[in-house]
Amino acid sequence: MRPRTLRTALATLTAGLAAAGCLTAAAPAAAHERPPGNHCSPAVSLTGFSDALDETTYDGTYVGNLSALARDRRGSVAALSDRSHLFRLDARTLKPRGVIPLADENGTALDSEGLVVDRDGTYLVSSETEPSVRRYSRTGEILGRLPVPDALRTAPAGRARANGSFEGLTLLAGGRTLIASMEYPLAGDPADVVRFQTWRRTGHGDFRPGAQYTYRTDTGLGVSEVTAAPDGRLLVLERGFTSGVGNTVRLYLADRRGATLGKTLLADLAACPSLGATAGQPQPNPLLDNFEGMAVTGRSKGRLEVLIVSDDNQNAVQTTRFLRLRVSV
């Protein structure tokens, strides 16, 4: 998504993730790393940031508009552009190692926002266009499509707003439950509540719709990403933008409480050290931008290693920026 005004809305959730792996990211020439201790809060520290991919191209494709991240095969991270491109990045340097185009069944580009690498190496990709969740092969061929409840479809077919449906996608630990987070509330729902739709994997390996959960956002913020944590809870990224002020980005930990998801603030990223970052537009902290993709990439000393990326919207005053966080949950 490309928020240019203050957003209100979102979210529902449910727990857990298949996370692990090791990722320490940032190209040496463009990375800014510090020892642990650069605290954003008691639970979160910033271990580095990288603008290495800002305004770059790979194989003739603009490397930007990044809306989702997922731990991929050993030594790589998948990064999804909302302009229908899937990049494979080196886990250590973030340097692109491959790119594949994505499209729907008619060859039309997606508004691709959420990404999961399934246990067999195929990709699950959510798009806000319908909305939809499709499965793609390692080389970008469509292998299938998940059923979506009618109420979550974009109006007039359903109650979802255009460009405001499936924004995040994650798979719980064990690989049996998939979750997609809505960006905006459905028509008729409270202005600060969104749905999180789940699917359960059947014995045949496909997914069928499961329970829905609700999640209440902070005033003016929406959910830009959801990522499962190994213990069954969820990391939730809430984001907003106010012209002349900049972005608000907060990281929450959510757990299931009946049909709702309770949340605990882990960090407001405006409180992180800037580490020398610069911004092309007003920001409460020059480190901030339109952060939209997030993945748990490993563990270090009992904490989760979390990688976050911003969607620059191919806008001259925005930046494709990666943050590396160490998160205690």
Protein backbone atom coordinates (compact mmCIF):
# COMPACT_ATOMS: atom_id res chain seq x y z
CA MET A 1 0.00 0.00 0.00
CA ARG A 2 0.98 3.63 -0.42
CA PRO A 3 -0.40 5.64 2.54
CA ARG A 4 -0.17 9.37 1.92
CA THR A 5 -2.77 10.49 4.48
CA LEU A 6 -3.39 9.56 8.10
CA ARG A 7 -5.05 6.15 8.16
CA THR A 8 -7.57 4.77 10.56
CA ALA A 9 -8.39 1.11 10.73
CA LEU A 10 -7.53 -2.45 10.90
CA ALA A 11 -6.75 -5.60 12.21
CA THR A 12 -7.49 -9.02 13.50
CA LEU A 13 -5.11 -11.75 14.28
CA THR A 14 -4.15 -15.09 15.61
CA ALA A 15 -0.98 -16.65 16.74
CA GLY A 16 2.35 -18.20 15.97
CA LEU A 17 4.85 -18.75 13.07
CA ALA A 18 7.27 -21.01 11.50
CA ALA A 19 10.23 -18.76 12.04
CA ALA A 20 13.89 -19.46 12.34
CA GLY A 21 16.96 -19.13 10.33
CA CYS A 22 19.73 -16.75 10.34
CA LEU A 23 19.80 -13.35 8.78
CA THR A 24 22.19 -10.60 9.53
CA ALA A 25 21.55 -8.03 6.91
CA ALA A 26 23.23 -5.04 5.41
CA ALA A 27 25.68 -4.46 2.64
CA PRO A 28 28.96 -3.40 4.21
CA ALA A 29 29.26 -0.19 2.20
CA ALA A 30 25.72 0.99 2.92
CA ALA A 31 24.94 -0.56 6.29
CA HIS A 32 24.97 1.16 9.64
CA GLU A 33 25.56 -1.36 12.41
CA ARG A 34 26.09 -0.85 16.11
CA PRO A 35 26.58 -3.30 18.97
CA PRO A 36 23.47 -4.47 20.85
CA GLY A 37 22.15 -1.88 23.26
CA ASN A 38 20.69 0.71 20.88
CA HIS A 39 17.36 0.43 22.59
CA CYS A 40 14.05 1.56 21.14
CA SER A 41 12.35 0.22 24.29
CA PRO A 42 13.12 -2.35 26.99
CA ALA A 43 11.97 -5.08 24.57
CA VAL A 44 13.45 -3.87 21.28
CA SER A 45 16.88 -2.74 20.16
CA LEU A 46 17.96 -1.52 16.73
CA THR A 47 21.04 -3.40 15.55
CA GLY A 48 21.38 -1.67 12.18
CA PHE A 49 19.77 -0.26 9.08
CA SER A 50 20.59 -0.37 5.39
CA ASP A 51 19.65 1.84 2.43
CA ALA A 52 21.71 -0.33 0.08
CA LEU A 53 18.79 -1.06 -2.27
CA ASP A 54 17.35 2.46 -2.37
CA GLU A 55 16.77 3.64 -5.96
CA THR A 56 18.51 0.62 -7.46
CA THR A 57 17.59 -1.79 -10.25
CA TYR A 58 18.29 -5.48 -10.76
CA ASP A 59 18.08 -7.21 -14.12
CA GLY A 60 16.20 -4.19 -15.48
CA THR A 61 13.64 -4.21 -12.64
CA TYR A 62 13.27 -1.42 -10.10
CA VAL A 63 14.09 -2.71 -6.62
CA GLY A 64 11.54 -0.90 -4.52
CA ASN A 65 7.83 -0.77 -3.64
CA LEU A 66 8.67 -3.60 -1.22
CA SER A 67 5.62 -4.65 0.75
CA ALA A 68 6.52 -8.02 2.32
CA LEU A 69 9.44 -10.16 3.46
CA ALA A 70 9.76 -13.86 4.20
CA ARG A 71 12.62 -16.13 5.19
CA ASP A 72 13.35 -18.19 2.10
CA ARG A 73 15.75 -21.01 1.40
CA ARG A 74 18.94 -21.21 3.42
CA GLY A 75 20.94 -18.04 2.95
CA SER A 76 18.22 -15.99 1.27
CA VAL A 77 15.22 -13.79 1.98
CA ALA A 78 12.25 -13.26 -0.33
CA ALA A 79 11.12 -9.65 -0.82
CA LEU A 80 7.81 -8.90 -2.51
CA SER A 81 7.11 -5.73 -4.50
CA ASP A 82 3.52 -4.56 -4.73
CA ARG A 83 4.23 -4.06 -8.45
CA SER A 84 4.19 -7.85 -8.98
CA HIS A 85 7.85 -8.76 -8.62
CA LEU A 86 9.39 -11.24 -6.20
CA PHE A 87 13.07 -10.75 -5.40
CA ARG A 88 15.44 -13.24 -3.82
CA LEU A 89 17.93 -11.39 -1.61
CA ASP A 90 21.16 -12.61 -0.11
CA ALA A 91 20.51 -12.97 3.63
CA ARG A 92 23.80 -11.40 4.63
CA THR A 93 24.24 -8.52 2.17
CA LEU A 94 20.62 -8.01 0.98
CA LYS A 95 22.00 -8.00 -2.56
CA PRO A 96 19.41 -9.27 -5.12
CA ARG A 97 20.17 -12.75 -6.48
CA GLY A 98 17.07 -13.25 -8.61
CA VAL A 99 13.69 -11.81 -9.57
CA ILE A 100 10.52 -13.35 -10.96
CA PRO A 101 7.39 -11.56 -12.22
CA LEU A 102 3.98 -12.47 -10.80
CA ALA A 103 0.55 -12.15 -12.44
CA ASP A 104 -3.01 -13.36 -12.05
CA GLU A 105 -4.66 -16.02 -14.20
CA ASN A 106 -5.15 -13.49 -17.01
CA GLY A 107 -1.58 -12.23 -16.96
CA THR A 108 -2.53 -9.03 -15.13
CA ALA A 109 -0.20 -7.58 -12.48
CA LEU A 110 -1.18 -7.96 -8.83
CA ASP A 111 -1.30 -5.45 -6.00
CA SER A 112 0.79 -7.95 -4.07
CA GLU A 113 1.08 -7.19 -0.35
CA GLY A 114 1.64 -10.37 1.70
CA LEU A 115 4.12 -13.24 1.33
CA VAL A 116 4.73 -16.68 2.84
CA VAL A 117 7.29 -19.26 1.78
CA ASP A 118 5.54 -22.58 2.39
CA ARG A 119 7.32 -25.68 3.67
CA ASP A 120 7.63 -27.11 0.13
CA GLY A 121 9.30 -23.93 -1.12
CA THR A 122 6.29 -22.58 -3.01
CA TYR A 123 5.09 -19.02 -2.43
CA LEU A 124 1.74 -17.90 -1.03
CA VAL A 125 1.02 -14.34 -2.14
CA SER A 126 -1.88 -12.12 -1.12
CA SER A 127 -3.19 -9.35 -3.37
CA GLU A 128 -5.49 -6.47 -2.45
CA THR A 129 -7.06 -6.43 -5.88
CA GLU A 130 -9.92 -8.89 -5.19
CA PRO A 131 -8.57 -9.71 -2.53
CA SER A 132 -6.91 -13.08 -3.10
CA VAL A 133 -4.29 -15.53 -1.91
CA ARG A 134 -2.56 -17.49 -4.68
CA ARG A 135 0.11 -20.16 -4.62
CA TYR A 136 3.06 -19.79 -7.00
CA SER A 137 5.87 -22.13 -7.96
CA ARG A 138 9.51 -21.20 -7.42
CA THR A 139 9.53 -19.86 -10.98
CA GLY A 140 6.29 -17.85 -10.75
CA GLU A 141 3.64 -20.16 -12.23
CA ILE A 142 0.21 -20.12 -10.56
CA LEU A 143 -0.46 -23.42 -8.81
CA GLY A 144 -3.75 -22.61 -7.13
CA ARG A 145 -5.90 -20.11 -5.31
CA LEU A 146 -7.39 -20.15 -1.82
CA PRO A 147 -11.10 -19.57 -1.19
CA VAL A 148 -11.94 -16.19 0.37
CA PRO A 149 -15.11 -15.56 2.45
CA ASP A 150 -17.61 -13.39 0.57
CA ALA A 151 -17.71 -10.63 3.22
CA LEU A 152 -13.99 -9.96 2.76
CA ARG A 153 -14.29 -9.32 -0.97
CA THR A 154 -14.01 -5.80 -2.30
CA ALA A 155 -17.33 -3.94 -2.60
CA PRO A 156 -19.79 -4.35 -4.22
CA ALA A 157 -19.10 -8.11 -4.11
CA GLY A 158 -18.32 -7.88 -0.38
CA ARG A 159 -17.74 -5.40 2.44
CA ALA A 160 -14.05 -4.62 2.00
CA ARG A 161 -12.78 -1.27 0.76
CA ALA A 162 -10.85 -1.06 -2.48
CA ASN A 163 -7.10 -1.07 -1.80
CA GLY A 164 -7.73 -1.91 1.85
CA SER A 165 -7.99 -5.66 2.24
CA PHE A 166 -5.25 -8.33 2.61
CA GLU A 167 -2.13 -6.45 3.65
CA GLY A 168 -0.25 -9.03 5.73
CA LEU A 169 0.20 -12.80 5.43
CA THR A 170 1.88 -15.28 7.77
CA LEU A 171 2.05 -19.00 8.53
CA LEU A 172 1.94 -20.27 12.10
CA ALA A 173 4.50 -22.62 13.58
CA GLY A 174 3.85 -26.15 12.36
CA GLY A 175 2.60 -24.91 9.01
CA ARG A 176 -1.06 -25.76 9.53
CA THR A 177 -2.62 -22.29 9.94
CA LEU A 178 -2.32 -19.38 7.52
CA ILE A 179 -3.39 -15.85 8.48
CA ALA A 180 -4.16 -12.80 6.33
CA SER A 181 -4.64 -9.40 7.97
CA MET A 182 -7.00 -6.81 6.53
CA GLU A 183 -5.72 -3.27 6.25
CA TYR A 184 -9.03 -1.43 6.74
CA PRO A 185 -12.25 -2.34 8.56
CA LEU A 186 -15.13 -3.84 6.64
CA ALA A 187 -18.11 -1.63 5.94
CA GLY A 188 -20.26 -1.66 9.06
CA ASP A 189 -17.40 -2.54 11.43
CA PRO A 190 -15.95 -0.08 13.97
CA ALA A 191 -13.46 2.35 12.47
CA ASP A 192 -10.55 0.94 14.48
CA VAL A 193 -11.24 -2.79 14.09
CA VAL A 194 -10.19 -5.08 11.26
CA ARG A 195 -10.50 -8.80 10.56
CA PHE A 196 -7.78 -11.40 10.43
CA GLN A 197 -8.82 -14.38 8.34
CA THR A 198 -7.35 -17.83 8.94
CA TRP A 199 -7.13 -20.93 6.76
CA ARG A 200 -6.45 -24.47 8.03
CA ARG A 201 -4.36 -26.92 6.04
CA THR A 202 -6.20 -30.13 5.18
CA GLY A 203 -4.79 -33.63 5.03
CA HIS A 204 -4.35 -33.14 1.29
CA GLY A 205 -2.11 -30.11 1.83
CA ASP A 206 -4.52 -27.41 0.63
CA PHE A 207 -6.08 -24.68 2.80
CA ARG A 208 -9.72 -24.16 3.79
CA PRO A 209 -11.16 -21.02 5.48
CA GLY A 210 -11.08 -21.10 9.27
CA ALA A 211 -11.81 -18.71 12.12
CA GLN A 212 -11.70 -14.92 11.99
CA TYR A 213 -10.23 -12.70 14.72
CA THR A 214 -10.53 -9.00 15.42
CA TYR A 215 -7.76 -6.63 16.33
CA ARG A 216 -8.12 -3.04 17.52
CA THR A 217 -5.62 -0.52 16.17
CA ASP A 218 -4.38 2.71 17.69
CA THR A 219 -6.24 5.82 16.56
CA GLY A 220 -5.24 6.79 13.05
CA LEU A 221 -3.09 3.70 12.43
CA GLY A 222 -3.58 0.62 10.30
CA VAL A 223 -1.93 -2.78 10.22
CA SER A 224 0.75 -2.91 7.56
CA GLU A 225 2.14 -6.36 8.40
CA VAL A 226 1.69 -9.40 10.62
CA THR A 227 4.36 -12.00 11.30
CA ALA A 228 4.14 -15.13 13.42
CA ALA A 229 6.46 -15.61 16.36
CA PRO A 230 7.70 -19.11 17.26
CA ASP A 231 5.63 -19.28 20.47
CA GLY A 232 2.24 -18.88 18.75
CA ARG A 233 1.87 -15.14 19.19
CA LEU A 234 2.04 -12.50 16.46
CA LEU A 235 4.19 -9.49 15.76
CA VAL A 236 1.98 -6.73 14.37
CA LEU A 237 3.23 -3.61 12.63
CA GLU A 238 0.89 -0.63 12.91
CA ARG A 239 1.55 2.34 10.65
CA GLY A 240 0.15 5.73 9.76
CA PHE A 241 1.18 8.88 7.91
CA THR A 242 0.39 12.55 8.49
CA SER A 243 1.41 15.07 5.85
CA GLY A 244 3.97 17.55 7.21
CA VAL A 245 4.62 15.34 10.25
CA GLY A 246 5.64 11.95 8.86
CA ASN A 247 5.12 8.32 9.75
CA THR A 248 4.06 6.64 12.95
CA VAL A 249 5.26 3.03 13.19
CA ARG A 250 4.62 0.84 16.23
CA LEU A 251 5.46 -2.79 16.85
CA TYR A 252 3.01 -4.85 18.92
CA LEU A 253 2.87 -8.38 20.24
CA ALA A 254 -0.60 -9.91 19.88
CA ASP A 255 -2.13 -13.01 21.40
CA ARG A 256 -5.51 -14.65 21.04
CA ARG A 257 -8.18 -13.93 23.62
CA GLY A 258 -11.27 -15.69 22.41
CA ALA A 259 -12.37 -14.19 19.11
CA THR A 260 -10.20 -11.11 19.60
CA LEU A 261 -6.49 -10.44 19.68
CA GLY A 262 -5.09 -8.57 22.63
CA LYS A 263 -1.93 -6.56 22.12
CA THR A 264 1.11 -5.32 24.02
CA LEU A 265 3.30 -2.47 22.78
CA LEU A 266 6.86 -3.60 22.12
CA ALA A 267 8.20 -0.33 20.69
CA ASP A 268 7.31 2.92 18.99
CA LEU A 269 10.03 3.09 16.33
CA ALA A 270 10.21 6.87 16.64
CA ALA A 271 12.03 6.20 19.93
CA CYS A 272 14.82 4.22 18.22
CA PRO A 273 18.27 5.79 17.76
CA SER A 274 18.54 7.27 14.26
CA LEU A 275 22.09 5.90 13.72
CA GLY A 276 22.74 8.69 11.25
CA ALA A 277 19.76 7.97 8.99
CA THR A 278 18.36 10.81 6.89
CA ALA A 279 14.85 11.43 5.58
CA GLY A 280 13.64 13.15 2.42
CA GLN A 281 10.51 14.49 4.10
CA PRO A 282 9.52 15.56 7.64
CA GLN A 283 9.68 12.68 10.12
CA PRO A 284 9.49 12.45 13.93
CA ASN A 285 12.74 10.46 13.60
CA PRO A 286 14.76 10.49 10.33
CA LEU A 287 15.01 6.69 10.61
CA LEU A 288 11.29 6.36 9.88
CA ASP A 289 9.65 5.67 6.54
CA ASN A 290 6.67 3.74 5.21
CA PHE A 291 7.56 0.42 6.89
CA GLU A 292 5.45 -2.33 5.46
CA GLY A 293 7.26 -5.70 5.31
CA MET A 294 8.49 -7.76 8.25
CA ALA A 295 9.96 -11.21 8.86
CA VAL A 296 11.43 -13.12 11.78
CA THR A 297 14.76 -14.31 10.47
CA GLY A 298 16.35 -16.06 13.44
CA ARG A 299 17.28 -15.94 17.10
CA SER A 300 20.23 -14.50 18.95
CA LYS A 301 20.83 -14.78 22.70
CA GLY A 302 17.19 -15.66 23.32
CA ARG A 303 15.82 -12.77 21.27
CA LEU A 304 14.18 -12.76 17.86
CA GLU A 305 16.01 -11.24 14.94
CA VAL A 306 13.46 -9.22 12.94
CA LEU A 307 13.95 -7.61 9.53
CA ILE A 308 11.66 -4.75 8.47
CA VAL A 309 11.52 -2.99 5.08
CA SER A 310 9.84 0.19 3.85
CA ASP A 311 7.78 0.62 0.68
CA ASP A 312 9.20 3.70 -1.04
CA ASN A 313 6.23 3.94 -3.44
CA GLN A 314 8.86 4.85 -6.06
CA ASN A 315 8.66 8.34 -4.57
CA ALA A 316 11.70 10.62 -4.54
CA VAL A 317 11.13 11.70 -0.92
CA GLN A 318 10.81 8.14 0.39
CA THR A 319 13.47 5.48 0.92
CA THR A 320 13.76 1.72 0.50
CA ARG A 321 15.18 1.05 3.96
CA PHE A 322 15.79 -2.12 5.91
CA LEU A 323 15.85 -2.15 9.72
CA ARG A 324 17.27 -4.97 11.81
CA LEU A 325 15.72 -5.32 15.24
CA ARG A 326 16.42 -7.59 18.17
CA VAL A 327 13.11 -8.29 19.91
CA SER A 328 12.44 -9.85 23.28
CA VAL A 329 9.01 -11.49 23.50
